[in-house]
Each structure stands twice: as structure tokens, then as C-alpha cells.
Amino acid sequence: RVRLREIVELLEAGNLADNAFLFIGQG
């Protein structure tokens, strides 16, 4: 178990946090 802040910091280090183009939808 970890905090959400720790997950966000881990994803930010890999440029995966709050990335608008990480998931490209239809259109």
C-alpha cells in the first residue's frame, strides 16, 4: 500500500503522469 502522491511522482519520473496523449481516443 502506498499513497496516490507516491504513484504520481513515480509516473512523473517516467513521463506517464497527467499526459494528455498517453491515451489517444477515437478521432
mmCIF file of all heavy atoms, coordinates in Angstrom:
data_MODEL
# 
_entry.id   MODEL 
# 
loop_
_atom_site.group_PDB 
_atom_site.id 
_atom_site.type_symbol 
_atom_site.label_atom_id 
_atom_site.label_alt_id 
_atom_site.label_comp_id 
_atom_site.label_asym_id 
_atom_site.label_entity_id 
_atom_site.label_seq_id 
_atom_site.pdbx_PDB_ins_code 
_atom_site.Cartn_x 
_atom_site.Cartn_y 
_atom_site.Cartn_z 
_atom_site.occupancy 
_atom_site.B_iso_or_equiv 
_atom_site.pdbx_formal_charge 
_atom_site.auth_seq_id 
_atom_site.auth_comp_id 
_atom_site.auth_asym_id 
_atom_site.auth_atom_id 
_atom_site.pdbx_PDB_model_num 
ATOM 1   N N   . ARG A 1 1  ? 0.828   -1.190 0.000   1.00 0.00 ? 1  ARG A N   1 
ATOM 2   C CA  . ARG A 1 1  ? 0.000   0.000  0.000   1.00 0.00 ? 1  ARG A CA  1 
ATOM 3   C C   . ARG A 1 1  ? 0.872   1.253  0.000   1.00 0.00 ? 1  ARG A C   1 
ATOM 4   O O   . ARG A 1 1  ? 1.817   1.379  0.786   1.00 0.00 ? 1  ARG A O   1 
ATOM 5   C CB  . ARG A 1 1  ? -0.918  0.012  1.224   1.00 0.00 ? 1  ARG A CB  1 
ATOM 6   C CG  . ARG A 1 1  ? -1.975  -1.074 1.216   1.00 0.00 ? 1  ARG A CG  1 
ATOM 7   C CD  . ARG A 1 1  ? -2.959  -0.906 2.352   1.00 0.00 ? 1  ARG A CD  1 
ATOM 8   N NE  . ARG A 1 1  ? -3.675  0.356  2.233   1.00 0.00 ? 1  ARG A NE  1 
ATOM 9   C CZ  . ARG A 1 1  ? -4.650  0.732  3.071   1.00 0.00 ? 1  ARG A CZ  1 
ATOM 10  N NH1 . ARG A 1 1  ? -5.000  -0.065 4.070   1.00 0.00 ? 1  ARG A NH1 1 
ATOM 11  N NH2 . ARG A 1 1  ? -5.267  1.885  2.916   1.00 0.00 ? 1  ARG A NH2 1 
ATOM 12  N N   . VAL A 1 2  ? 0.557   2.197  -0.883  1.00 0.00 ? 2  VAL A N   1 
ATOM 13  C CA  . VAL A 1 2  ? 1.263   3.471  -0.972  1.00 0.00 ? 2  VAL A CA  1 
ATOM 14  C C   . VAL A 1 2  ? 0.209   4.566  -1.121  1.00 0.00 ? 2  VAL A C   1 
ATOM 15  O O   . VAL A 1 2  ? -0.982  4.312  -1.257  1.00 0.00 ? 2  VAL A O   1 
ATOM 16  C CB  . VAL A 1 2  ? 2.241   3.492  -2.173  1.00 0.00 ? 2  VAL A CB  1 
ATOM 17  C CG1 . VAL A 1 2  ? 3.359   2.484  -1.976  1.00 0.00 ? 2  VAL A CG1 1 
ATOM 18  C CG2 . VAL A 1 2  ? 1.501   3.209  -3.479  1.00 0.00 ? 2  VAL A CG2 1 
ATOM 19  N N   . ARG A 1 3  ? 0.685   5.823  -1.116  1.00 0.00 ? 3  ARG A N   1 
ATOM 20  C CA  . ARG A 1 3  ? -0.206  6.953  -1.313  1.00 0.00 ? 3  ARG A CA  1 
ATOM 21  C C   . ARG A 1 3  ? -0.291  7.308  -2.795  1.00 0.00 ? 3  ARG A C   1 
ATOM 22  O O   . ARG A 1 3  ? 0.596   6.991  -3.574  1.00 0.00 ? 3  ARG A O   1 
ATOM 23  C CB  . ARG A 1 3  ? 0.290   8.169  -0.515  1.00 0.00 ? 3  ARG A CB  1 
ATOM 24  C CG  . ARG A 1 3  ? 0.292   7.952  1.000   1.00 0.00 ? 3  ARG A CG  1 
ATOM 25  C CD  . ARG A 1 3  ? 0.868   9.144  1.706   1.00 0.00 ? 3  ARG A CD  1 
ATOM 26  N NE  . ARG A 1 3  ? 2.267   9.368  1.276   1.00 0.00 ? 3  ARG A NE  1 
ATOM 27  C CZ  . ARG A 1 3  ? 2.990   10.424 1.656   1.00 0.00 ? 3  ARG A CZ  1 
ATOM 28  N NH1 . ARG A 1 3  ? 2.460   11.342 2.445   1.00 0.00 ? 3  ARG A NH1 1 
ATOM 29  N NH2 . ARG A 1 3  ? 4.236   10.551 1.240   1.00 0.00 ? 3  ARG A NH2 1 
ATOM 30  N N   . LEU A 1 4  ? -1.363  8.036  -3.164  1.00 0.00 ? 4  LEU A N   1 
ATOM 31  C CA  . LEU A 1 4  ? -1.529  8.471  -4.552  1.00 0.00 ? 4  LEU A CA  1 
ATOM 32  C C   . LEU A 1 4  ? -0.392  9.398  -4.953  1.00 0.00 ? 4  LEU A C   1 
ATOM 33  O O   . LEU A 1 4  ? 0.068   9.354  -6.107  1.00 0.00 ? 4  LEU A O   1 
ATOM 34  C CB  . LEU A 1 4  ? -2.885  9.166  -4.708  1.00 0.00 ? 4  LEU A CB  1 
ATOM 35  C CG  . LEU A 1 4  ? -3.169  9.778  -6.091  1.00 0.00 ? 4  LEU A CG  1 
ATOM 36  C CD1 . LEU A 1 4  ? -3.130  8.716  -7.174  1.00 0.00 ? 4  LEU A CD1 1 
ATOM 37  C CD2 . LEU A 1 4  ? -4.504  10.512 -6.085  1.00 0.00 ? 4  LEU A CD2 1 
ATOM 38  N N   . ARG A 1 5  ? 0.088   10.203 -4.010  1.00 0.00 ? 5  ARG A N   1 
ATOM 39  C CA  . ARG A 1 5  ? 1.188   11.113 -4.329  1.00 0.00 ? 5  ARG A CA  1 
ATOM 40  C C   . ARG A 1 5  ? 2.420   10.352 -4.760  1.00 0.00 ? 5  ARG A C   1 
ATOM 41  O O   . ARG A 1 5  ? 3.132   10.756 -5.691  1.00 0.00 ? 5  ARG A O   1 
ATOM 42  C CB  . ARG A 1 5  ? 1.493   11.984 -3.095  1.00 0.00 ? 5  ARG A CB  1 
ATOM 43  C CG  . ARG A 1 5  ? 2.610   12.996 -3.304  1.00 0.00 ? 5  ARG A CG  1 
ATOM 44  C CD  . ARG A 1 5  ? 2.239   13.979 -4.382  1.00 0.00 ? 5  ARG A CD  1 
ATOM 45  N NE  . ARG A 1 5  ? 3.326   14.912 -4.644  1.00 0.00 ? 5  ARG A NE  1 
ATOM 46  C CZ  . ARG A 1 5  ? 3.332   15.777 -5.645  1.00 0.00 ? 5  ARG A CZ  1 
ATOM 47  N NH1 . ARG A 1 5  ? 2.293   15.814 -6.471  1.00 0.00 ? 5  ARG A NH1 1 
ATOM 48  N NH2 . ARG A 1 5  ? 4.336   16.595 -5.819  1.00 0.00 ? 5  ARG A NH2 1 
ATOM 49  N N   . GLU A 1 6  ? 2.697   9.229  -4.124  1.00 0.00 ? 6  GLU A N   1 
ATOM 50  C CA  . GLU A 1 6  ? 3.861   8.426  -4.489  1.00 0.00 ? 6  GLU A CA  1 
ATOM 51  C C   . GLU A 1 6  ? 3.688   7.833  -5.886  1.00 0.00 ? 6  GLU A C   1 
ATOM 52  O O   . GLU A 1 6  ? 4.655   7.777  -6.665  1.00 0.00 ? 6  GLU A O   1 
ATOM 53  C CB  . GLU A 1 6  ? 4.077   7.328  -3.457  1.00 0.00 ? 6  GLU A CB  1 
ATOM 54  C CG  . GLU A 1 6  ? 4.377   7.863  -2.057  1.00 0.00 ? 6  GLU A CG  1 
ATOM 55  C CD  . GLU A 1 6  ? 4.480   6.751  -1.040  1.00 0.00 ? 6  GLU A CD  1 
ATOM 56  O OE1 . GLU A 1 6  ? 4.341   5.587  -1.442  1.00 0.00 ? 6  GLU A OE1 1 
ATOM 57  O OE2 . GLU A 1 6  ? 4.708   7.057  0.146   1.00 0.00 ? 6  GLU A OE2 1 
ATOM 58  N N   . ILE A 1 7  ? 2.470   7.398  -6.233  1.00 0.00 ? 7  ILE A N   1 
ATOM 59  C CA  . ILE A 1 7  ? 2.221   6.873  -7.583  1.00 0.00 ? 7  ILE A CA  1 
ATOM 60  C C   . ILE A 1 7  ? 2.416   7.976  -8.621  1.00 0.00 ? 7  ILE A C   1 
ATOM 61  O O   . ILE A 1 7  ? 3.037   7.775  -9.675  1.00 0.00 ? 7  ILE A O   1 
ATOM 62  C CB  . ILE A 1 7  ? 0.806   6.285  -7.676  1.00 0.00 ? 7  ILE A CB  1 
ATOM 63  C CG1 . ILE A 1 7  ? 0.666   5.075  -6.732  1.00 0.00 ? 7  ILE A CG1 1 
ATOM 64  C CG2 . ILE A 1 7  ? 0.466   5.870  -9.096  1.00 0.00 ? 7  ILE A CG2 1 
ATOM 65  C CD1 . ILE A 1 7  ? 1.483   3.875  -7.119  1.00 0.00 ? 7  ILE A CD1 1 
ATOM 66  N N   . VAL A 1 8  ? 1.904   9.184  -8.340  1.00 0.00 ? 8  VAL A N   1 
ATOM 67  C CA  . VAL A 1 8  ? 2.034   10.299 -9.281  1.00 0.00 ? 8  VAL A CA  1 
ATOM 68  C C   . VAL A 1 8  ? 3.490   10.667 -9.480  1.00 0.00 ? 8  VAL A C   1 
ATOM 69  O O   . VAL A 1 8  ? 3.954   10.897 -10.615 1.00 0.00 ? 8  VAL A O   1 
ATOM 70  C CB  . VAL A 1 8  ? 1.207   11.497 -8.788  1.00 0.00 ? 8  VAL A CB  1 
ATOM 71  C CG1 . VAL A 1 8  ? 1.479   12.729 -9.650  1.00 0.00 ? 8  VAL A CG1 1 
ATOM 72  C CG2 . VAL A 1 8  ? -0.280  11.162 -8.814  1.00 0.00 ? 8  VAL A CG2 1 
ATOM 73  N N   . GLU A 1 9  ? 4.275   10.737 -8.401  1.00 0.00 ? 9  GLU A N   1 
ATOM 74  C CA  . GLU A 1 9  ? 5.693   11.078 -8.532  1.00 0.00 ? 9  GLU A CA  1 
ATOM 75  C C   . GLU A 1 9  ? 6.432   10.013 -9.326  1.00 0.00 ? 9  GLU A C   1 
ATOM 76  O O   . GLU A 1 9  ? 7.317   10.329 -10.145 1.00 0.00 ? 9  GLU A O   1 
ATOM 77  C CB  . GLU A 1 9  ? 6.311   11.219 -7.140  1.00 0.00 ? 9  GLU A CB  1 
ATOM 78  C CG  . GLU A 1 9  ? 5.809   12.440 -6.383  1.00 0.00 ? 9  GLU A CG  1 
ATOM 79  C CD  . GLU A 1 9  ? 6.388   12.515 -4.982  1.00 0.00 ? 9  GLU A CD  1 
ATOM 80  O OE1 . GLU A 1 9  ? 7.092   11.540 -4.598  1.00 0.00 ? 9  GLU A OE1 1 
ATOM 81  O OE2 . GLU A 1 9  ? 6.143   13.510 -4.283  1.00 0.00 ? 9  GLU A OE2 1 
ATOM 82  N N   . LEU A 1 10 ? 6.079   8.728  -9.120  1.00 0.00 ? 10 LEU A N   1 
ATOM 83  C CA  . LEU A 1 10 ? 6.725   7.656  -9.867  1.00 0.00 ? 10 LEU A CA  1 
ATOM 84  C C   . LEU A 1 10 ? 6.395   7.758  -11.360 1.00 0.00 ? 10 LEU A C   1 
ATOM 85  O O   . LEU A 1 10 ? 7.274   7.614  -12.219 1.00 0.00 ? 10 LEU A O   1 
ATOM 86  C CB  . LEU A 1 10 ? 6.287   6.302  -9.314  1.00 0.00 ? 10 LEU A CB  1 
ATOM 87  C CG  . LEU A 1 10 ? 6.872   5.056  -9.994  1.00 0.00 ? 10 LEU A CG  1 
ATOM 88  C CD1 . LEU A 1 10 ? 8.381   5.016  -9.829  1.00 0.00 ? 10 LEU A CD1 1 
ATOM 89  C CD2 . LEU A 1 10 ? 6.238   3.789  -9.452  1.00 0.00 ? 10 LEU A CD2 1 
ATOM 90  N N   . LEU A 1 11 ? 5.138   8.064  -11.677 1.00 0.00 ? 11 LEU A N   1 
ATOM 91  C CA  . LEU A 1 11 ? 4.750   8.186  -13.083 1.00 0.00 ? 11 LEU A CA  1 
ATOM 92  C C   . LEU A 1 11 ? 5.321   9.451  -13.718 1.00 0.00 ? 11 LEU A C   1 
ATOM 93  O O   . LEU A 1 11 ? 5.642   9.462  -14.914 1.00 0.00 ? 11 LEU A O   1 
ATOM 94  C CB  . LEU A 1 11 ? 3.223   8.182  -13.199 1.00 0.00 ? 11 LEU A CB  1 
ATOM 95  C CG  . LEU A 1 11 ? 2.530   6.876  -12.776 1.00 0.00 ? 11 LEU A CG  1 
ATOM 96  C CD1 . LEU A 1 11 ? 1.021   7.027  -12.839 1.00 0.00 ? 11 LEU A CD1 1 
ATOM 97  C CD2 . LEU A 1 11 ? 2.981   5.707  -13.650 1.00 0.00 ? 11 LEU A CD2 1 
ATOM 98  N N   . GLU A 1 12 ? 5.445   10.519 -12.941 1.00 0.00 ? 12 GLU A N   1 
ATOM 99  C CA  . GLU A 1 12 ? 6.048   11.734 -13.474 1.00 0.00 ? 12 GLU A CA  1 
ATOM 100 C C   . GLU A 1 12 ? 7.503   11.499 -13.861 1.00 0.00 ? 12 GLU A C   1 
ATOM 101 O O   . GLU A 1 12 ? 7.995   12.056 -14.845 1.00 0.00 ? 12 GLU A O   1 
ATOM 102 C CB  . GLU A 1 12 ? 5.963   12.856 -12.441 1.00 0.00 ? 12 GLU A CB  1 
ATOM 103 C CG  . GLU A 1 12 ? 4.596   13.501 -12.363 1.00 0.00 ? 12 GLU A CG  1 
ATOM 104 C CD  . GLU A 1 12 ? 4.587   14.644 -11.369 1.00 0.00 ? 12 GLU A CD  1 
ATOM 105 O OE1 . GLU A 1 12 ? 5.606   14.810 -10.653 1.00 0.00 ? 12 GLU A OE1 1 
ATOM 106 O OE2 . GLU A 1 12 ? 3.581   15.372 -11.295 1.00 0.00 ? 12 GLU A OE2 1 
ATOM 107 N N   . ALA A 1 13 ? 8.208   10.665 -13.091 1.00 0.00 ? 13 ALA A N   1 
ATOM 108 C CA  . ALA A 1 13 ? 9.593   10.374 -13.435 1.00 0.00 ? 13 ALA A CA  1 
ATOM 109 C C   . ALA A 1 13 ? 9.693   9.651  -14.775 1.00 0.00 ? 13 ALA A C   1 
ATOM 110 O O   . ALA A 1 13 ? 10.708  9.772  -15.482 1.00 0.00 ? 13 ALA A O   1 
ATOM 111 C CB  . ALA A 1 13 ? 10.239  9.529  -12.333 1.00 0.00 ? 13 ALA A CB  1 
ATOM 112 N N   . GLY A 1 14 ? 8.658   8.906  -15.153 1.00 0.00 ? 14 GLY A N   1 
ATOM 113 C CA  . GLY A 1 14 ? 8.657   8.219  -16.444 1.00 0.00 ? 14 GLY A CA  1 
ATOM 114 C C   . GLY A 1 14 ? 7.807   8.907  -17.488 1.00 0.00 ? 14 GLY A C   1 
ATOM 115 O O   . GLY A 1 14 ? 7.497   8.302  -18.515 1.00 0.00 ? 14 GLY A O   1 
ATOM 116 N N   . ASN A 1 15 ? 7.420   10.176 -17.205 1.00 0.00 ? 15 ASN A N   1 
ATOM 117 C CA  . ASN A 1 15 ? 6.606   10.963 -18.143 1.00 0.00 ? 15 ASN A CA  1 
ATOM 118 C C   . ASN A 1 15 ? 5.281   10.260 -18.462 1.00 0.00 ? 15 ASN A C   1 
ATOM 119 O O   . ASN A 1 15 ? 4.803   10.236 -19.593 1.00 0.00 ? 15 ASN A O   1 
ATOM 120 C CB  . ASN A 1 15 ? 7.367   11.239 -19.449 1.00 0.00 ? 15 ASN A CB  1 
ATOM 121 C CG  . ASN A 1 15 ? 6.718   12.343 -20.281 1.00 0.00 ? 15 ASN A CG  1 
ATOM 122 O OD1 . ASN A 1 15 ? 5.970   13.156 -19.741 1.00 0.00 ? 15 ASN A OD1 1 
ATOM 123 N ND2 . ASN A 1 15 ? 6.998   12.356 -21.575 1.00 0.00 ? 15 ASN A ND2 1 
ATOM 124 N N   . LEU A 1 16 ? 4.691   9.666  -17.429 1.00 0.00 ? 16 LEU A N   1 
ATOM 125 C CA  . LEU A 1 16 ? 3.421   8.958  -17.599 1.00 0.00 ? 16 LEU A CA  1 
ATOM 126 C C   . LEU A 1 16 ? 2.288   9.598  -16.814 1.00 0.00 ? 16 LEU A C   1 
ATOM 127 O O   . LEU A 1 16 ? 1.142   9.140  -16.902 1.00 0.00 ? 16 LEU A O   1 
ATOM 128 C CB  . LEU A 1 16 ? 3.559   7.493  -17.160 1.00 0.00 ? 16 LEU A CB  1 
ATOM 129 C CG  . LEU A 1 16 ? 4.555   6.647  -17.951 1.00 0.00 ? 16 LEU A CG  1 
ATOM 130 C CD1 . LEU A 1 16 ? 4.639   5.259  -17.348 1.00 0.00 ? 16 LEU A CD1 1 
ATOM 131 C CD2 . LEU A 1 16 ? 4.149   6.567  -19.420 1.00 0.00 ? 16 LEU A CD2 1 
ATOM 132 N N   . ALA A 1 17 ? 2.584   10.625 -16.050 1.00 0.00 ? 17 ALA A N   1 
ATOM 133 C CA  . ALA A 1 17 ? 1.566   11.249 -15.215 1.00 0.00 ? 17 ALA A CA  1 
ATOM 134 C C   . ALA A 1 17 ? 0.979   12.459 -15.926 1.00 0.00 ? 17 ALA A C   1 
ATOM 135 O O   . ALA A 1 17 ? 1.712   13.313 -16.440 1.00 0.00 ? 17 ALA A O   1 
ATOM 136 C CB  . ALA A 1 17 ? 2.173   11.667 -13.876 1.00 0.00 ? 17 ALA A CB  1 
ATOM 137 N N   . ASP A 1 18 ? -0.324  12.565 -15.913 1.00 0.00 ? 18 ASP A N   1 
ATOM 138 C CA  . ASP A 1 18 ? -1.031  13.715 -16.478 1.00 0.00 ? 18 ASP A CA  1 
ATOM 139 C C   . ASP A 1 18 ? -0.605  13.979 -17.913 1.00 0.00 ? 18 ASP A C   1 
ATOM 140 O O   . ASP A 1 18 ? -0.398  15.125 -18.329 1.00 0.00 ? 18 ASP A O   1 
ATOM 141 C CB  . ASP A 1 18 ? -0.804  14.953 -15.605 1.00 0.00 ? 18 ASP A CB  1 
ATOM 142 C CG  . ASP A 1 18 ? -1.845  16.026 -15.872 1.00 0.00 ? 18 ASP A CG  1 
ATOM 143 O OD1 . ASP A 1 18 ? -2.868  15.686 -16.497 1.00 0.00 ? 18 ASP A OD1 1 
ATOM 144 O OD2 . ASP A 1 18 ? -1.620  17.168 -15.454 1.00 0.00 ? 18 ASP A OD2 1 
ATOM 145 N N   . ASN A 1 19 ? -0.444  12.919 -18.706 1.00 0.00 ? 19 ASN A N   1 
ATOM 146 C CA  . ASN A 1 19 ? -0.041  13.036 -20.115 1.00 0.00 ? 19 ASN A CA  1 
ATOM 147 C C   . ASN A 1 19 ? -1.305  12.918 -20.961 1.00 0.00 ? 19 ASN A C   1 
ATOM 148 O O   . ASN A 1 19 ? -1.945  11.862 -21.021 1.00 0.00 ? 19 ASN A O   1 
ATOM 149 C CB  . ASN A 1 19 ? 0.962   11.943 -20.482 1.00 0.00 ? 19 ASN A CB  1 
ATOM 150 C CG  . ASN A 1 19 ? 1.618   12.187 -21.837 1.00 0.00 ? 19 ASN A CG  1 
ATOM 151 O OD1 . ASN A 1 19 ? 1.037   12.842 -22.695 1.00 0.00 ? 19 ASN A OD1 1 
ATOM 152 N ND2 . ASN A 1 19 ? 2.812   11.641 -22.014 1.00 0.00 ? 19 ASN A ND2 1 
ATOM 153 N N   . ALA A 1 20 ? -1.654  14.043 -21.613 1.00 0.00 ? 20 ALA A N   1 
ATOM 154 C CA  . ALA A 1 20 ? -2.907  14.061 -22.374 1.00 0.00 ? 20 ALA A CA  1 
ATOM 155 C C   . ALA A 1 20 ? -2.880  13.145 -23.580 1.00 0.00 ? 20 ALA A C   1 
ATOM 156 O O   . ALA A 1 20 ? -3.930  12.759 -24.101 1.00 0.00 ? 20 ALA A O   1 
ATOM 157 C CB  . ALA A 1 20 ? -3.222  15.485 -22.812 1.00 0.00 ? 20 ALA A CB  1 
ATOM 158 N N   . PHE A 1 21 ? -1.668  12.795 -24.041 1.00 0.00 ? 21 PHE A N   1 
ATOM 159 C CA  . PHE A 1 21 ? -1.559  11.966 -25.238 1.00 0.00 ? 21 PHE A CA  1 
ATOM 160 C C   . PHE A 1 21 ? -1.093  10.551 -24.917 1.00 0.00 ? 21 PHE A C   1 
ATOM 161 O O   . PHE A 1 21 ? -0.638  9.835  -25.785 1.00 0.00 ? 21 PHE A O   1 
ATOM 162 C CB  . PHE A 1 21 ? -0.594  12.623 -26.244 1.00 0.00 ? 21 PHE A CB  1 
ATOM 163 C CG  . PHE A 1 21 ? -1.052  13.992 -26.659 1.00 0.00 ? 21 PHE A CG  1 
ATOM 164 C CD1 . PHE A 1 21 ? -0.517  15.121 -26.078 1.00 0.00 ? 21 PHE A CD1 1 
ATOM 165 C CD2 . PHE A 1 21 ? -2.047  14.135 -27.624 1.00 0.00 ? 21 PHE A CD2 1 
ATOM 166 C CE1 . PHE A 1 21 ? -0.943  16.388 -26.452 1.00 0.00 ? 21 PHE A CE1 1 
ATOM 167 C CE2 . PHE A 1 21 ? -2.477  15.400 -28.000 1.00 0.00 ? 21 PHE A CE2 1 
ATOM 168 C CZ  . PHE A 1 21 ? -1.923  16.536 -27.410 1.00 0.00 ? 21 PHE A CZ  1 
ATOM 169 N N   . LEU A 1 22 ? -1.158  10.210 -23.635 1.00 0.00 ? 22 LEU A N   1 
ATOM 170 C CA  . LEU A 1 22 ? -0.809  8.840  -23.269 1.00 0.00 ? 22 LEU A CA  1 
ATOM 171 C C   . LEU A 1 22 ? -1.879  7.878  -23.783 1.00 0.00 ? 22 LEU A C   1 
ATOM 172 O O   . LEU A 1 22 ? -1.586  6.773  -24.212 1.00 0.00 ? 22 LEU A O   1 
ATOM 173 C CB  . LEU A 1 22 ? -0.654  8.726  -21.752 1.00 0.00 ? 22 LEU A CB  1 
ATOM 174 C CG  . LEU A 1 22 ? -0.204  7.380  -21.222 1.00 0.00 ? 22 LEU A CG  1 
ATOM 175 C CD1 . LEU A 1 22 ? 1.185   7.029  -21.752 1.00 0.00 ? 22 LEU A CD1 1 
ATOM 176 C CD2 . LEU A 1 22 ? -0.199  7.373  -19.706 1.00 0.00 ? 22 LEU A CD2 1 
ATOM 177 N N   . PHE A 1 23 ? -3.155  8.306  -23.747 1.00 0.00 ? 23 PHE A N   1 
ATOM 178 C CA  . PHE A 1 23 ? -4.267  7.526  -24.284 1.00 0.00 ? 23 PHE A CA  1 
ATOM 179 C C   . PHE A 1 23 ? -4.920  8.365  -25.386 1.00 0.00 ? 23 PHE A C   1 
ATOM 180 O O   . PHE A 1 23 ? -5.477  9.440  -25.106 1.00 0.00 ? 23 PHE A O   1 
ATOM 181 C CB  . PHE A 1 23 ? -5.291  7.219  -23.188 1.00 0.00 ? 23 PHE A CB  1 
ATOM 182 C CG  . PHE A 1 23 ? -4.722  6.406  -22.067 1.00 0.00 ? 23 PHE A CG  1 
ATOM 183 C CD1 . PHE A 1 23 ? -4.234  7.014  -20.925 1.00 0.00 ? 23 PHE A CD1 1 
ATOM 184 C CD2 . PHE A 1 23 ? -4.668  5.030  -22.168 1.00 0.00 ? 23 PHE A CD2 1 
ATOM 185 C CE1 . PHE A 1 23 ? -3.699  6.266  -19.907 1.00 0.00 ? 23 PHE A CE1 1 
ATOM 186 C CE2 . PHE A 1 23 ? -4.135  4.278  -21.140 1.00 0.00 ? 23 PHE A CE2 1 
ATOM 187 C CZ  . PHE A 1 23 ? -3.639  4.891  -20.006 1.00 0.00 ? 23 PHE A CZ  1 
ATOM 188 N N   . ILE A 1 24 ? -4.808  7.889  -26.615 1.00 0.00 ? 24 ILE A N   1 
ATOM 189 C CA  . ILE A 1 24 ? -5.365  8.601  -27.773 1.00 0.00 ? 24 ILE A CA  1 
ATOM 190 C C   . ILE A 1 24 ? -6.654  7.910  -28.161 1.00 0.00 ? 24 ILE A C   1 
ATOM 191 O O   . ILE A 1 24 ? -6.671  6.745  -28.564 1.00 0.00 ? 24 ILE A O   1 
ATOM 192 C CB  . ILE A 1 24 ? -4.371  8.613  -28.955 1.00 0.00 ? 24 ILE A CB  1 
ATOM 193 C CG1 . ILE A 1 24 ? -3.074  9.309  -28.536 1.00 0.00 ? 24 ILE A CG1 1 
ATOM 194 C CG2 . ILE A 1 24 ? -4.994  9.293  -30.165 1.00 0.00 ? 24 ILE A CG2 1 
ATOM 195 C CD1 . ILE A 1 24 ? -1.996  9.274  -29.595 1.00 0.00 ? 24 ILE A CD1 1 
ATOM 196 N N   . GLY A 1 25 ? -7.754  8.642  -28.001 1.00 0.00 ? 25 GLY A N   1 
ATOM 197 C CA  . GLY A 1 25 ? -9.048  8.071  -28.286 1.00 0.00 ? 25 GLY A CA  1 
ATOM 198 C C   . GLY A 1 25 ? -9.423  8.186  -29.750 1.00 0.00 ? 25 GLY A C   1 
ATOM 199 O O   . GLY A 1 25 ? -8.660  8.671  -30.602 1.00 0.00 ? 25 GLY A O   1 
ATOM 200 N N   . GLN A 1 26 ? -10.628 7.709  -30.031 1.00 0.00 ? 26 GLN A N   1 
ATOM 201 C CA  . GLN A 1 26 ? -11.122 7.726  -31.409 1.00 0.00 ? 26 GLN A CA  1 
ATOM 202 C C   . GLN A 1 26 ? -11.302 9.170  -31.886 1.00 0.00 ? 26 GLN A C   1 
ATOM 203 O O   . GLN A 1 26 ? -11.879 9.999  -31.209 1.00 0.00 ? 26 GLN A O   1 
ATOM 204 C CB  . GLN A 1 26 ? -12.456 6.981  -31.480 1.00 0.00 ? 26 GLN A CB  1 
ATOM 205 C CG  . GLN A 1 26 ? -13.009 6.827  -32.880 1.00 0.00 ? 26 GLN A CG  1 
ATOM 206 C CD  . GLN A 1 26 ? -14.292 6.031  -32.875 1.00 0.00 ? 26 GLN A CD  1 
ATOM 207 O OE1 . GLN A 1 26 ? -14.777 5.652  -31.810 1.00 0.00 ? 26 GLN A OE1 1 
ATOM 208 N NE2 . GLN A 1 26 ? -14.830 5.758  -34.048 1.00 0.00 ? 26 GLN A NE2 1 
ATOM 209 N N   . GLY A 1 27 ? -10.736 9.504  -33.070 1.00 0.00 ? 27 GLY A N   1 
ATOM 210 C CA  . GLY A 1 27 ? -10.864 10.834 -33.650 1.00 0.00 ? 27 GLY A CA  1 
ATOM 211 C C   . GLY A 1 27 ? -9.780  11.795 -33.264 1.00 0.00 ? 27 GLY A C   1 
ATOM 212 O O   . GLY A 1 27 ? -9.713  12.901 -33.826 1.00 0.00 ? 27 GLY A O   1 
# 
